[in-house]
Amino acid sequence: MIDMQIGGLLGLLILIADIYAIVKTLQSGASTGAKVLWILVVLIFPVVGLLFWLLFGPRGGRPVHA
């Protein structure tokens, strides 16, 4: 019973982290193609995709135009 609760909590944490990664990717200044690619990687491979996003994903916010 406790194993199911821990597994469920871990799954919830991964879901929250994946949603965070997707939102941050959408807010980044990366090209549309790069955004779509990163979102697909995170959705198809939730754990590994999140780790790759943390290491190699787009950084920073939208570029500021003067």
N, C-alpha and C. Protein backbone atom coordinates (compact mmCIF):
# COMPACT_ATOMS: atom_id res chain seq x y z
N MET A 1 0.82 -1.19 0.00
CA MET A 1 0.00 0.00 0.00
C MET A 1 0.86 1.26 0.00
N ILE A 2 1.90 1.27 0.82
CA ILE A 2 2.78 2.44 0.89
C ILE A 2 3.54 2.61 -0.41
N ASP A 3 3.92 1.50 -1.06
CA ASP A 3 4.64 1.59 -2.34
C ASP A 3 3.80 2.30 -3.39
N MET A 4 2.49 2.03 -3.39
CA MET A 4 1.61 2.69 -4.36
C MET A 4 1.52 4.19 -4.07
N GLN A 5 1.52 4.57 -2.81
CA GLN A 5 1.45 5.98 -2.45
C GLN A 5 2.73 6.70 -2.85
N ILE A 6 3.87 6.06 -2.63
CA ILE A 6 5.15 6.67 -3.01
C ILE A 6 5.25 6.77 -4.53
N GLY A 7 4.83 5.73 -5.24
CA GLY A 7 4.84 5.76 -6.70
C GLY A 7 3.91 6.84 -7.25
N GLY A 8 2.75 7.00 -6.62
CA GLY A 8 1.82 8.02 -7.05
C GLY A 8 2.36 9.42 -6.80
N LEU A 9 3.01 9.60 -5.66
CA LEU A 9 3.61 10.90 -5.34
C LEU A 9 4.75 11.22 -6.30
N LEU A 10 5.57 10.22 -6.59
CA LEU A 10 6.67 10.42 -7.53
C LEU A 10 6.13 10.76 -8.92
N GLY A 11 5.08 10.08 -9.35
CA GLY A 11 4.46 10.38 -10.63
C GLY A 11 3.90 11.79 -10.68
N LEU A 12 3.30 12.24 -9.58
CA LEU A 12 2.77 13.60 -9.51
C LEU A 12 3.89 14.62 -9.60
N LEU A 13 5.00 14.37 -8.91
CA LEU A 13 6.15 15.29 -8.96
C LEU A 13 6.73 15.38 -10.36
N ILE A 14 6.80 14.24 -11.06
CA ILE A 14 7.30 14.24 -12.43
C ILE A 14 6.35 15.01 -13.34
N LEU A 15 5.05 14.83 -13.15
CA LEU A 15 4.06 15.57 -13.94
C LEU A 15 4.20 17.08 -13.73
N ILE A 16 4.35 17.50 -12.48
CA ILE A 16 4.51 18.93 -12.18
C ILE A 16 5.78 19.46 -12.81
N ALA A 17 6.88 18.71 -12.71
CA ALA A 17 8.15 19.15 -13.30
C ALA A 17 8.04 19.22 -14.82
N ASP A 18 7.35 18.27 -15.45
CA ASP A 18 7.17 18.30 -16.90
C ASP A 18 6.35 19.51 -17.33
N ILE A 19 5.30 19.82 -16.60
CA ILE A 19 4.48 21.00 -16.92
C ILE A 19 5.32 22.26 -16.78
N TYR A 20 6.14 22.33 -15.74
CA TYR A 20 7.04 23.47 -15.56
C TYR A 20 7.99 23.60 -16.74
N ALA A 21 8.56 22.48 -17.18
CA ALA A 21 9.49 22.50 -18.32
C ALA A 21 8.79 22.98 -19.59
N ILE A 22 7.57 22.54 -19.81
CA ILE A 22 6.82 22.94 -21.01
C ILE A 22 6.51 24.44 -20.96
N VAL A 23 6.07 24.94 -19.81
CA VAL A 23 5.77 26.37 -19.68
C VAL A 23 7.03 27.19 -19.90
N LYS A 24 8.14 26.80 -19.28
CA LYS A 24 9.39 27.54 -19.43
C LYS A 24 9.89 27.49 -20.88
N THR A 25 9.67 26.38 -21.55
CA THR A 25 10.06 26.27 -22.96
C THR A 25 9.23 27.23 -23.81
N LEU A 26 7.94 27.28 -23.55
CA LEU A 26 7.08 28.19 -24.31
C LEU A 26 7.44 29.66 -24.06
N GLN A 27 7.92 29.98 -22.87
CA GLN A 27 8.30 31.35 -22.53
C GLN A 27 9.71 31.71 -23.00
N SER A 28 10.46 30.74 -23.46
CA SER A 28 11.85 31.00 -23.86
C SER A 28 11.90 31.73 -25.20
N GLY A 29 13.06 32.23 -25.52
CA GLY A 29 13.25 32.94 -26.78
C GLY A 29 13.66 32.02 -27.91
N ALA A 30 13.54 30.71 -27.73
CA ALA A 30 13.92 29.75 -28.75
C ALA A 30 12.98 29.84 -29.95
N SER A 31 13.43 29.32 -31.08
CA SER A 31 12.59 29.31 -32.28
C SER A 31 11.39 28.39 -32.07
N THR A 32 10.38 28.56 -32.89
CA THR A 32 9.17 27.75 -32.77
C THR A 32 9.49 26.27 -32.95
N GLY A 33 10.33 25.97 -33.91
CA GLY A 33 10.71 24.57 -34.14
C GLY A 33 11.40 23.95 -32.94
N ALA A 34 12.30 24.71 -32.31
CA ALA A 34 13.01 24.22 -31.13
C ALA A 34 12.03 24.01 -29.97
N LYS A 35 11.09 24.93 -29.82
CA LYS A 35 10.09 24.78 -28.76
C LYS A 35 9.27 23.52 -28.95
N VAL A 36 8.80 23.30 -30.18
CA VAL A 36 8.00 22.11 -30.48
C VAL A 36 8.81 20.85 -30.21
N LEU A 37 10.06 20.84 -30.63
CA LEU A 37 10.92 19.67 -30.41
C LEU A 37 11.11 19.39 -28.92
N TRP A 38 11.41 20.41 -28.14
CA TRP A 38 11.61 20.21 -26.70
C TRP A 38 10.33 19.75 -26.02
N ILE A 39 9.20 20.31 -26.41
CA ILE A 39 7.94 19.89 -25.80
C ILE A 39 7.64 18.43 -26.13
N LEU A 40 7.89 18.03 -27.37
CA LEU A 40 7.68 16.63 -27.75
C LEU A 40 8.61 15.69 -26.97
N VAL A 41 9.85 16.09 -26.80
CA VAL A 41 10.81 15.26 -26.04
C VAL A 41 10.32 15.08 -24.60
N VAL A 42 9.87 16.18 -23.99
CA VAL A 42 9.40 16.10 -22.60
C VAL A 42 8.12 15.27 -22.50
N LEU A 43 7.23 15.38 -23.48
CA LEU A 43 5.98 14.62 -23.43
C LEU A 43 6.18 13.13 -23.72
N ILE A 44 7.05 12.82 -24.67
CA ILE A 44 7.25 11.41 -25.05
C ILE A 44 8.11 10.67 -24.04
N PHE A 45 9.13 11.35 -23.50
CA PHE A 45 10.04 10.75 -22.52
C PHE A 45 10.02 11.59 -21.24
N PRO A 46 9.00 11.44 -20.39
CA PRO A 46 8.81 12.36 -19.28
C PRO A 46 10.02 12.51 -18.35
N VAL A 47 10.65 11.44 -17.95
CA VAL A 47 11.76 11.54 -17.01
C VAL A 47 13.06 11.91 -17.73
N VAL A 48 13.41 11.15 -18.75
CA VAL A 48 14.65 11.41 -19.50
C VAL A 48 14.56 12.74 -20.23
N GLY A 49 13.40 13.04 -20.79
CA GLY A 49 13.21 14.31 -21.49
C GLY A 49 13.37 15.49 -20.55
N LEU A 50 12.88 15.36 -19.32
CA LEU A 50 13.04 16.41 -18.33
C LEU A 50 14.51 16.61 -17.99
N LEU A 51 15.23 15.52 -17.82
CA LEU A 51 16.67 15.62 -17.53
C LEU A 51 17.42 16.27 -18.68
N PHE A 52 17.11 15.88 -19.91
CA PHE A 52 17.75 16.50 -21.07
C PHE A 52 17.40 17.98 -21.15
N TRP A 53 16.14 18.32 -20.87
CA TRP A 53 15.72 19.72 -20.90
C TRP A 53 16.49 20.53 -19.86
N LEU A 54 16.65 19.96 -18.66
CA LEU A 54 17.40 20.66 -17.62
C LEU A 54 18.84 20.92 -18.03
N LEU A 55 19.44 19.94 -18.73
CA LEU A 55 20.85 20.06 -19.12
C LEU A 55 21.06 20.87 -20.40
N PHE A 56 20.20 20.68 -21.39
CA PHE A 56 20.44 21.23 -22.72
C PHE A 56 19.34 22.14 -23.26
N GLY A 57 18.27 22.31 -22.51
CA GLY A 57 17.10 23.05 -23.00
C GLY A 57 17.35 24.53 -23.15
N PRO A 58 16.39 25.22 -23.78
CA PRO A 58 16.52 26.67 -24.00
C PRO A 58 16.57 27.42 -22.67
N ARG A 59 17.38 28.46 -22.64
CA ARG A 59 17.55 29.26 -21.43
C ARG A 59 17.04 30.67 -21.64
N GLY A 60 16.69 31.33 -20.55
CA GLY A 60 16.31 32.74 -20.60
C GLY A 60 14.90 32.96 -21.09
N GLY A 61 14.48 34.21 -20.94
CA GLY A 61 13.14 34.60 -21.36
C GLY A 61 13.14 35.07 -22.80
N ARG A 62 12.07 35.69 -23.17
CA ARG A 62 11.94 36.23 -24.53
C ARG A 62 12.92 37.36 -24.72
N PRO A 63 13.46 37.47 -25.91
CA PRO A 63 14.38 38.58 -26.16
C PRO A 63 13.64 39.92 -26.13
N VAL A 64 14.29 40.92 -25.60
CA VAL A 64 13.70 42.26 -25.49
C VAL A 64 14.06 43.05 -26.74
N HIS A 65 13.04 43.59 -27.42
CA HIS A 65 13.26 44.40 -28.61
C HIS A 65 13.16 45.88 -28.21
N ALA A 66 14.16 46.65 -28.59
CA ALA A 66 14.17 48.08 -28.22
C ALA A 66 13.36 48.91 -29.16
